[in-house]
Protein backbone atom coordinates (compact mmCIF):
# COMPACT_ATOMS: atom_id res chain seq x y z
CA MET A 1 65.08 -121.22 -126.74
CA SER A 2 63.23 -121.05 -130.05
CA ALA A 3 61.03 -124.03 -130.86
CA GLY A 4 61.43 -123.39 -134.58
CA ILE A 5 58.95 -124.04 -137.36
CA VAL A 6 56.85 -127.14 -137.93
CA ILE A 7 55.46 -127.76 -141.41
CA VAL A 8 52.67 -130.34 -141.63
CA GLY A 9 52.63 -131.77 -145.13
CA ALA A 10 55.75 -132.62 -147.12
CA GLY A 11 54.32 -132.02 -150.58
CA HIS A 12 55.22 -129.31 -153.06
CA ALA A 13 53.87 -126.51 -150.86
CA GLY A 14 55.54 -127.69 -147.66
CA GLY A 15 58.87 -128.42 -149.31
CA ALA A 16 58.89 -125.06 -151.09
CA THR A 17 58.18 -123.20 -147.85
CA ALA A 18 61.16 -124.81 -146.15
CA ALA A 19 63.35 -123.81 -149.11
CA PHE A 20 62.08 -120.20 -149.15
CA LEU A 21 62.57 -119.86 -145.39
CA LYS A 22 66.22 -120.83 -145.78
CA GLN A 23 66.62 -118.64 -148.86
CA TYR A 24 65.22 -115.69 -146.88
CA GLY A 25 67.72 -116.18 -144.07
CA PHE A 26 65.78 -118.16 -141.45
CA GLU A 27 68.44 -119.78 -139.24
CA GLY A 28 66.25 -121.76 -136.84
CA SER A 29 65.19 -125.37 -137.05
CA ILE A 30 62.47 -126.61 -139.39
CA THR A 31 60.63 -129.91 -139.00
CA LEU A 32 58.85 -131.14 -142.11
CA ILE A 33 56.27 -133.89 -141.48
CA GLY A 34 54.78 -135.92 -144.33
CA ASP A 35 52.75 -139.11 -144.54
CA GLU A 36 54.40 -140.31 -147.76
CA PRO A 37 57.74 -142.16 -147.85
CA LEU A 38 59.18 -139.65 -150.35
CA ALA A 39 60.78 -136.29 -149.67
CA PRO A 40 58.94 -133.33 -151.27
CA TYR A 41 58.49 -133.91 -154.99
CA GLN A 42 56.82 -132.46 -158.08
CA ARG A 43 53.29 -133.73 -158.65
CA PRO A 44 52.30 -132.45 -162.13
CA PRO A 45 54.40 -135.12 -163.96
CA LEU A 46 52.49 -137.90 -162.20
CA SER A 47 49.63 -137.86 -164.72
CA LYS A 48 51.95 -137.48 -167.70
CA ALA A 49 55.68 -138.30 -167.73
CA TRP A 50 55.53 -140.65 -164.72
CA LEU A 51 52.71 -142.76 -166.14
CA LYS A 52 54.55 -143.04 -169.44
CA GLY A 53 57.81 -144.05 -167.72
CA GLU A 54 59.71 -140.96 -168.83
CA VAL A 55 60.88 -139.91 -165.33
CA ASP A 56 61.89 -141.67 -162.12
CA GLY A 57 61.48 -140.82 -158.44
CA ASP A 58 64.81 -139.02 -158.06
CA SER A 59 64.09 -136.66 -160.95
CA LEU A 60 60.84 -135.58 -159.27
CA LEU A 61 62.48 -134.46 -156.00
CA LEU A 62 62.34 -130.72 -155.27
CA LYS A 63 65.69 -130.86 -153.46
CA PRO A 64 68.37 -133.56 -153.20
CA LEU A 65 68.09 -135.49 -149.95
CA ASN A 66 71.33 -134.09 -148.51
CA TRP A 67 69.94 -130.54 -148.75
CA TYR A 68 67.66 -131.13 -145.76
CA ALA A 69 70.40 -132.16 -143.32
CA GLU A 70 72.72 -129.41 -144.57
CA ASN A 71 70.02 -126.77 -143.93
CA ARG A 72 68.70 -127.99 -140.55
CA VAL A 73 65.44 -129.23 -142.02
CA LYS A 74 64.39 -132.40 -140.24
CA LEU A 75 62.33 -134.76 -142.37
CA LYS A 76 59.78 -136.91 -140.54
CA LEU A 77 58.35 -139.00 -143.37
CA GLN A 78 55.68 -141.71 -143.21
CA ASN A 79 54.28 -139.80 -140.26
CA SER A 80 51.41 -137.41 -139.65
CA VAL A 81 50.06 -134.97 -137.08
CA SER A 82 47.07 -136.13 -135.07
CA ALA A 83 46.41 -133.01 -132.98
CA ILE A 84 47.35 -129.36 -132.54
CA SER A 85 47.43 -127.60 -129.18
CA ARG A 86 47.23 -123.91 -129.99
CA ARG A 87 47.49 -122.98 -126.32
CA ASP A 88 50.75 -124.88 -125.82
CA ARG A 89 51.96 -124.36 -129.39
CA THR A 90 52.61 -128.04 -129.87
CA VAL A 91 51.63 -130.76 -132.28
CA VAL A 92 51.28 -134.45 -131.54
CA THR A 93 52.41 -136.86 -134.25
CA ALA A 94 50.92 -140.25 -135.01
CA SER A 95 54.10 -141.82 -133.67
CA GLY A 96 53.54 -140.11 -130.31
CA ASP A 97 56.09 -137.30 -130.52
CA VAL A 98 55.15 -133.90 -129.10
CA LEU A 99 56.80 -131.06 -131.02
CA GLY A 100 56.77 -127.41 -130.04
CA TYR A 101 56.56 -124.63 -132.58
CA ASP A 102 56.93 -120.88 -132.85
CA HIS A 103 55.15 -120.99 -136.19
CA LEU A 104 53.09 -123.83 -137.62
CA ILE A 105 52.46 -124.20 -141.37
CA LEU A 106 49.64 -126.43 -142.59
CA ALA A 107 50.37 -127.76 -146.06
CA THR A 108 48.17 -130.83 -145.86
CA GLY A 109 46.87 -130.59 -149.43
CA ALA A 110 43.71 -132.22 -150.70
CA ARG A 111 42.38 -135.72 -151.27
CA ALA A 112 40.48 -137.20 -154.18
CA ARG A 113 36.74 -136.78 -153.87
CA PRO A 114 35.40 -140.32 -153.42
CA LEU A 115 32.51 -142.10 -155.07
CA HIS A 116 29.91 -143.62 -152.77
CA VAL A 117 30.38 -147.32 -153.50
CA THR A 118 30.84 -150.49 -151.46
CA ASP A 119 34.15 -151.04 -149.68
CA ASP A 120 35.22 -153.93 -151.91
CA VAL A 121 34.69 -151.79 -155.02
CA SER A 122 36.31 -148.71 -153.46
CA ALA A 123 39.49 -150.66 -152.71
CA ARG A 124 39.87 -151.48 -156.42
CA LEU A 125 39.19 -148.00 -157.82
CA LEU A 126 42.07 -145.82 -158.99
CA SER A 127 42.62 -142.14 -158.20
CA LEU A 128 45.57 -139.82 -158.68
CA ARG A 129 46.99 -137.60 -155.95
CA THR A 130 50.36 -139.16 -155.00
CA ALA A 131 53.32 -140.95 -156.51
CA ALA A 132 52.01 -144.19 -155.04
CA ASP A 133 48.68 -143.61 -156.83
CA ALA A 134 50.52 -142.98 -160.09
CA GLU A 135 52.63 -146.11 -159.72
CA ARG A 136 49.49 -148.17 -159.03
CA ILE A 137 47.89 -146.80 -162.20
CA LYS A 138 51.01 -147.46 -164.27
CA THR A 139 51.24 -151.11 -163.20
CA ARG A 140 47.59 -151.72 -164.11
CA LEU A 141 47.46 -149.93 -167.46
CA LYS A 142 48.58 -152.65 -169.86
CA PRO A 143 48.18 -152.43 -173.63
CA GLY A 144 44.59 -153.34 -174.47
CA CYS A 145 43.38 -152.61 -170.92
CA ARG A 146 39.87 -151.15 -170.90
CA LEU A 147 40.00 -148.07 -168.66
CA ALA A 148 36.95 -146.09 -167.61
CA ILE A 149 37.64 -142.58 -166.32
CA ILE A 150 34.88 -140.94 -164.30
CA GLY A 151 35.23 -137.18 -164.55
CA GLY A 152 36.10 -134.95 -167.50
CA GLY A 153 38.33 -132.45 -165.70
CA TYR A 154 42.05 -131.90 -166.21
CA VAL A 155 43.19 -134.95 -164.23
CA GLY A 156 40.84 -137.22 -166.16
CA LEU A 157 41.91 -135.81 -169.52
CA GLU A 158 45.63 -135.97 -168.73
CA VAL A 159 45.36 -139.58 -167.59
CA ALA A 160 43.30 -140.39 -170.69
CA ALA A 161 46.06 -139.02 -172.91
CA SER A 162 48.76 -140.97 -171.07
CA ALA A 163 46.67 -144.15 -171.06
CA ARG A 164 46.22 -143.95 -174.83
CA ALA A 165 49.98 -143.53 -175.20
CA LEU A 166 50.38 -146.77 -173.22
CA GLY A 167 47.98 -148.60 -175.53
CA ALA A 168 44.93 -148.69 -173.26
CA GLU A 169 41.37 -148.37 -174.48
CA VAL A 170 39.73 -145.40 -172.74
CA VAL A 171 36.15 -144.36 -172.16
CA LEU A 172 35.70 -141.07 -170.32
CA LEU A 173 32.39 -140.44 -168.53
CA GLU A 174 31.38 -136.87 -167.66
CA ARG A 175 28.03 -136.18 -166.01
CA GLU A 176 27.85 -132.57 -167.30
CA ASP A 177 26.98 -131.78 -170.91
CA ARG A 178 30.59 -130.92 -171.79
CA LEU A 179 34.16 -131.55 -170.67
CA LEU A 180 35.84 -129.13 -168.26
CA ALA A 181 32.42 -127.69 -167.47
CA ARG A 182 33.48 -126.32 -164.09
CA VAL A 183 36.87 -124.89 -165.07
CA ALA A 184 36.80 -123.76 -168.72
CA GLY A 185 34.56 -122.19 -171.32
CA PRO A 186 32.66 -123.99 -174.11
CA ILE A 187 35.25 -123.23 -176.80
CA LEU A 188 38.02 -124.96 -174.87
CA SER A 189 35.70 -127.82 -173.94
CA SER A 190 34.87 -128.45 -177.62
CA TYR A 191 38.52 -128.31 -178.63
CA PHE A 192 39.63 -130.93 -176.10
CA HIS A 193 36.61 -133.11 -176.86
CA LYS A 194 37.68 -133.22 -180.51
CA LEU A 195 41.38 -133.69 -179.62
CA HIS A 196 40.67 -136.73 -177.48
CA THR A 197 38.11 -138.38 -179.74
CA GLU A 198 40.49 -138.08 -182.71
CA ARG A 199 43.06 -140.00 -180.66
CA GLY A 200 40.74 -142.81 -179.76
CA VAL A 201 39.22 -141.74 -176.45
CA GLN A 202 35.52 -142.55 -176.24
CA ILE A 203 33.83 -139.60 -174.53
CA GLU A 204 30.35 -139.79 -173.07
CA THR A 205 28.94 -136.51 -171.73
CA GLY A 206 25.73 -136.30 -169.76
CA ALA A 207 26.77 -139.70 -168.41
CA ALA A 208 26.26 -139.97 -164.66
CA VAL A 209 27.36 -143.21 -162.99
CA SER A 210 24.67 -144.75 -160.79
CA ASP A 211 26.53 -147.81 -159.53
CA ILE A 212 29.74 -149.81 -159.89
CA ALA A 213 30.02 -153.55 -159.24
CA LEU A 214 32.82 -156.05 -159.53
CA SER A 215 32.27 -158.61 -162.24
CA ALA A 216 34.07 -161.65 -163.58
CA GLU A 217 35.44 -159.39 -166.32
CA GLY A 218 36.51 -156.56 -164.01
CA PHE A 219 33.98 -153.82 -163.39
CA SER A 220 30.38 -153.29 -164.43
CA LEU A 221 29.34 -149.63 -164.51
CA GLY A 222 25.69 -148.68 -164.47
CA LEU A 223 24.72 -145.29 -165.90
CA MET A 224 21.70 -143.24 -164.94
CA ASP A 225 20.23 -143.69 -168.41
CA GLY A 226 20.19 -147.48 -167.96
CA ARG A 227 23.29 -148.36 -169.97
CA GLN A 228 25.87 -150.83 -168.63
CA MET A 229 29.58 -150.71 -169.38
CA LEU A 230 32.27 -153.32 -168.73
CA CYS A 231 35.89 -152.37 -168.13
CA ASP A 232 39.09 -153.66 -166.55
CA GLU A 233 39.97 -150.59 -164.48
CA VAL A 234 38.18 -147.49 -163.21
CA LEU A 235 39.83 -144.18 -162.38
CA VAL A 236 37.84 -141.58 -160.45
CA GLY A 237 38.69 -137.92 -161.12
CA ILE A 238 35.73 -135.92 -159.84
CA GLY A 239 37.57 -133.21 -157.94
CA ALA A 240 39.29 -132.90 -154.59
CA LEU A 241 38.43 -132.14 -150.97
CA PRO A 242 40.76 -130.07 -148.77
CA ASN A 243 42.46 -131.92 -145.94
CA ASP A 244 41.31 -129.37 -143.37
CA GLN A 245 40.24 -131.86 -140.67
CA LEU A 246 43.25 -131.07 -138.47
CA ALA A 247 42.60 -127.33 -138.72
CA ARG A 248 38.91 -127.75 -137.92
CA ALA A 249 39.69 -129.85 -134.85
CA ALA A 250 42.05 -127.11 -133.67
CA GLY A 251 39.30 -124.49 -133.99
CA LEU A 252 40.74 -122.58 -136.94
CA GLU A 253 38.29 -120.81 -139.25
CA CYS A 254 37.49 -123.05 -142.22
CA GLN A 255 35.13 -122.92 -145.18
CA ASP A 256 35.86 -125.62 -147.73
CA GLY A 257 39.50 -125.15 -146.78
CA VAL A 258 41.39 -123.20 -144.14
CA LEU A 259 40.66 -119.48 -144.39
CA VAL A 260 43.80 -117.35 -144.67
CA ASP A 261 44.72 -113.74 -145.38
CA GLU A 262 47.11 -112.31 -147.98
CA THR A 263 50.09 -113.51 -145.93
CA ALA A 264 48.69 -117.09 -145.79
CA ARG A 265 48.06 -116.59 -142.05
CA THR A 266 45.05 -118.31 -140.48
CA SER A 267 42.77 -117.05 -137.71
CA ASP A 268 45.60 -117.99 -135.31
CA PRO A 269 48.54 -115.58 -135.85
CA ALA A 270 51.07 -118.36 -135.23
CA ILE A 271 49.59 -120.71 -137.84
CA PHE A 272 49.72 -120.47 -141.63
CA ALA A 273 47.98 -122.60 -144.27
CA ILE A 274 49.19 -122.89 -147.85
CA GLY A 275 48.44 -124.75 -151.05
CA ASP A 276 45.40 -126.86 -151.86
CA VAL A 277 44.15 -126.88 -148.24
CA SER A 278 43.78 -123.10 -148.03
CA ARG A 279 40.97 -120.76 -149.07
CA ARG A 280 42.67 -117.48 -149.85
CA PRO A 281 41.90 -113.96 -151.04
CA VAL A 282 42.60 -113.16 -154.68
CA GLY A 283 42.61 -109.37 -154.58
CA LEU A 284 42.62 -108.92 -158.33
CA TYR A 285 39.10 -110.36 -158.45
CA GLY A 286 37.84 -109.37 -155.00
CA ALA A 287 37.28 -113.06 -154.34
CA VAL A 288 38.16 -115.68 -151.75
CA THR A 289 38.68 -119.12 -153.23
CA ARG A 290 40.73 -122.30 -153.29
CA LEU A 291 43.33 -122.52 -156.05
CA GLU A 292 44.63 -126.02 -156.73
CA SER A 293 47.86 -125.43 -158.59
CA VAL A 294 51.63 -125.51 -158.17
CA PRO A 295 51.97 -121.74 -158.86
CA ASN A 296 49.50 -121.04 -156.04
CA ALA A 297 51.43 -123.31 -153.68
CA LEU A 298 54.68 -121.51 -154.51
CA GLU A 299 53.11 -118.06 -154.14
CA GLN A 300 51.69 -118.88 -150.73
CA ALA A 301 54.97 -120.51 -149.69
CA ARG A 302 56.71 -117.20 -150.45
CA GLN A 303 54.02 -115.25 -148.59
CA ALA A 304 54.29 -117.35 -145.44
CA ALA A 305 58.09 -117.41 -145.47
CA ALA A 306 58.27 -113.64 -145.97
CA ALA A 307 55.79 -112.99 -143.14
CA ILE A 308 57.70 -115.23 -140.74
CA VAL A 309 61.14 -113.69 -141.37
CA GLY A 310 59.82 -110.13 -141.61
CA ARG A 311 60.52 -109.52 -145.29
CA PRO A 312 58.23 -107.36 -147.44
CA LEU A 313 55.44 -109.44 -148.90
CA PRO A 314 55.93 -110.46 -152.54
CA ALA A 315 53.72 -108.72 -155.08
CA PRO A 316 50.43 -110.56 -155.70
CA GLU A 317 50.51 -112.83 -158.74
CA VAL A 318 47.93 -113.48 -161.42
CA PRO A 319 46.75 -117.08 -160.85
CA TRP A 320 47.95 -119.43 -163.55
CA PHE A 321 47.68 -123.09 -164.44
CA TRP A 322 48.76 -125.50 -167.16
CA SER A 323 47.87 -128.87 -168.62
CA ASP A 324 49.68 -131.13 -171.11
CA GLN A 325 47.53 -133.53 -173.15
CA PHE A 326 48.97 -135.46 -176.08
CA GLU A 327 51.11 -132.90 -177.98
CA THR A 328 48.99 -129.96 -176.76
CA LYS A 329 50.04 -127.52 -174.07
CA LEU A 330 47.30 -125.48 -172.43
CA GLN A 331 48.30 -122.45 -170.33
CA ILE A 332 45.72 -120.48 -168.38
CA ALA A 333 46.16 -117.12 -166.67
CA GLY A 334 43.52 -115.47 -164.52
CA LEU A 335 40.07 -116.57 -163.44
CA THR A 336 36.83 -116.42 -165.42
CA PHE A 337 34.99 -114.48 -162.71
CA ASP A 338 32.38 -111.93 -163.73
CA ILE A 339 32.97 -111.82 -167.50
CA ASP A 340 30.76 -110.34 -170.22
CA GLN A 341 32.70 -111.24 -173.38
CA SER A 342 34.81 -114.10 -174.70
CA LEU A 343 36.73 -114.00 -177.97
CA VAL A 344 39.11 -116.23 -179.90
CA ARG A 345 42.53 -115.02 -181.01
CA GLY A 346 44.00 -117.24 -183.71
CA ASP A 347 42.43 -120.23 -185.44
CA VAL A 348 41.16 -123.21 -183.46
CA ALA A 349 41.65 -125.44 -186.50
CA THR A 350 45.43 -124.82 -186.47
CA ASP A 351 45.82 -125.96 -182.82
CA HIS A 352 47.35 -122.56 -182.02
CA PHE A 353 44.81 -120.20 -180.50
CA SER A 354 43.74 -118.43 -177.34
CA VAL A 355 40.42 -117.63 -175.73
CA PHE A 356 40.33 -114.29 -173.93
CA HIS A 357 37.65 -113.50 -171.36
CA LEU A 358 36.88 -109.84 -170.61
CA LYS A 359 34.75 -107.62 -168.39
CA SER A 360 34.07 -104.12 -169.76
CA GLY A 361 37.16 -104.39 -171.96
CA ILE A 362 39.46 -105.54 -169.14
CA ILE A 363 40.96 -108.98 -169.58
CA GLN A 364 40.04 -111.32 -166.73
CA ALA A 365 41.51 -114.56 -168.06
CA VAL A 366 43.20 -116.17 -171.06
CA GLU A 367 43.19 -119.83 -172.10
CA ALA A 368 46.13 -120.31 -174.46
CA VAL A 369 46.51 -123.49 -176.55
CA ASN A 370 50.06 -123.89 -177.90
CA SER A 371 50.32 -120.08 -177.74
CA PRO A 372 52.92 -119.13 -175.10
CA ALA A 373 53.18 -115.51 -176.27
CA ASP A 374 49.44 -114.99 -175.77
CA PHE A 375 49.69 -116.58 -172.34
CA MET A 376 52.59 -114.39 -171.21
CA GLY A 377 51.20 -111.20 -172.75
CA GLY A 378 47.70 -111.93 -171.51
CA ARG A 379 48.97 -112.52 -168.00
CA GLN A 380 50.66 -109.12 -168.03
CA LEU A 381 47.51 -107.41 -169.32
CA ILE A 382 45.38 -109.10 -166.66
CA ASN A 383 47.70 -107.72 -164.00
CA SER A 384 47.78 -104.22 -165.51
CA ARG A 385 43.94 -103.91 -165.54
CA ILE A 386 44.05 -101.69 -168.63
CA ARG A 387 41.18 -101.70 -171.11
CA VAL A 388 41.87 -103.13 -174.53
CA ASP A 389 40.14 -102.94 -177.89
CA PRO A 390 38.49 -106.36 -178.39
CA GLU A 391 38.83 -106.10 -182.18
CA LYS A 392 42.59 -105.57 -181.89
CA LEU A 393 42.87 -108.35 -179.34
CA ALA A 394 41.14 -110.79 -181.70
CA ASP A 395 43.54 -109.88 -184.54
CA SER A 396 46.37 -112.39 -184.28
CA ASN A 397 48.39 -110.35 -186.80
CA LEU A 398 48.88 -107.79 -184.04
CA SER A 399 51.27 -108.62 -181.21
CA ILE A 400 50.00 -108.54 -177.66
CA LYS A 401 52.32 -105.59 -177.08
CA ALA A 402 50.61 -103.72 -179.89
CA VAL A 403 47.22 -104.55 -178.40
CA ALA A 404 48.32 -103.12 -175.06
CA ALA A 405 49.59 -99.93 -176.73
C-alpha cells in the first residue's frame, strides 16, 4: 500500500505543490504539515495590503478550506516535523505521530535573520515572515508611532511605505552606503531613496546599529558612529536564513539551504526541497543559488510535482520578482550576474523607466519601474539569449519587439 506524499511546510510552496500534484493527476494521499494555524496563504500582501487593512485572512488563502478534504489532502496545522528517518521513509511530528512517505517534500521556508541582542529586547522586536508577524506589526503601528526599520532591503522599504500610509513616523537604517545594496544597482537604489524621502521616510545609510536597549520611551538605538535614536517600535529586516535544520539532521547535502537539482530533488532521490529553503541551479546563468520569491516557489512546485508523477519537466523560467512601494510597482526579471553594462530606458524623472543589465550585448536582467511592457519584453529577451543593440534598447521610442528584431 502506498504511503503517499508528505509535505513539510504549509506555506505558498507547500500548498502549491499539493495543488499541482492533484492537477497533474496524482491520486494518492497527501499530508501537508505546517506550524502556523492558517492553511496555505499568499505572503506578499503581508507587507502591503494586510498592514493597511485592505485584505483579510480568507482572501489570502491559496485554496478554500474545503478543497483539501475534497482532494485527499490532509492538513496538519500548528504542527511540525522533528525528525526524518530516510532509511524507514518516515517522519516524526512534534505531536508524536509517525508518518510514512513514498516521497517527502521539504518546503520549510526561511526565517528572519536575527539581531544579536538581549532576550528582553529580542522579544519586543518586530520582523515580518508570517501573517502573525504582520498582525503584530499592524496592531503596534498607530498614527504618530515612531518606527525604526533596520535594513534597507525590499521588506524594509515595503513596510516603510505601509507604515507611512498608516501615519507612522519612520526612520530606516541601512549599514551599507545605499539602499538595496545587495539586490539592485545604484540607479534603482537612488530612485527608491528619493521616493521614500519625498514621502517622509528618514533614511540613514552607512548607519550600523551597535546596540538596542529598552527605555522608558520605548527603544534606544545606539549607532556605530556614536549617535543615539529613540523610537517606539523596531522592525528588523536584514535578510533571511533557510530553515534547513531538519534536512541537515537527516544528512541531506546543504549549503546555505538544501541543495537540489533541476527537478528540485535533493541528494536523497525520495526527498525534494522547494522554495526559500532550497539552493537550486539556475541554468541560464550557470549558477546555483537561493531565490526567495513566490515565482521561484511555484516553479519548483511544478518541477517536483512533475518529477513525482512522471510528467515532462516544465521549461526553465527566467527568475522574476516584484515589489510595491507607495504608488510604484517594481518588476525585476533575471539576475545581475556577470554584467559589463547597465543602461536606462526611459526617464527616471517621470517614474516610468527601466534599467537593463547586459553582458556582451546579451540582456541578463531588467529592473522595470512602472514599465510592465519593458518587464515582459525584457524577460523574453533574457530567455532568448539574443544580442541586442544597446543604443536601440536605450531608445524608449522603439518597442521592445523592434529592439529584438
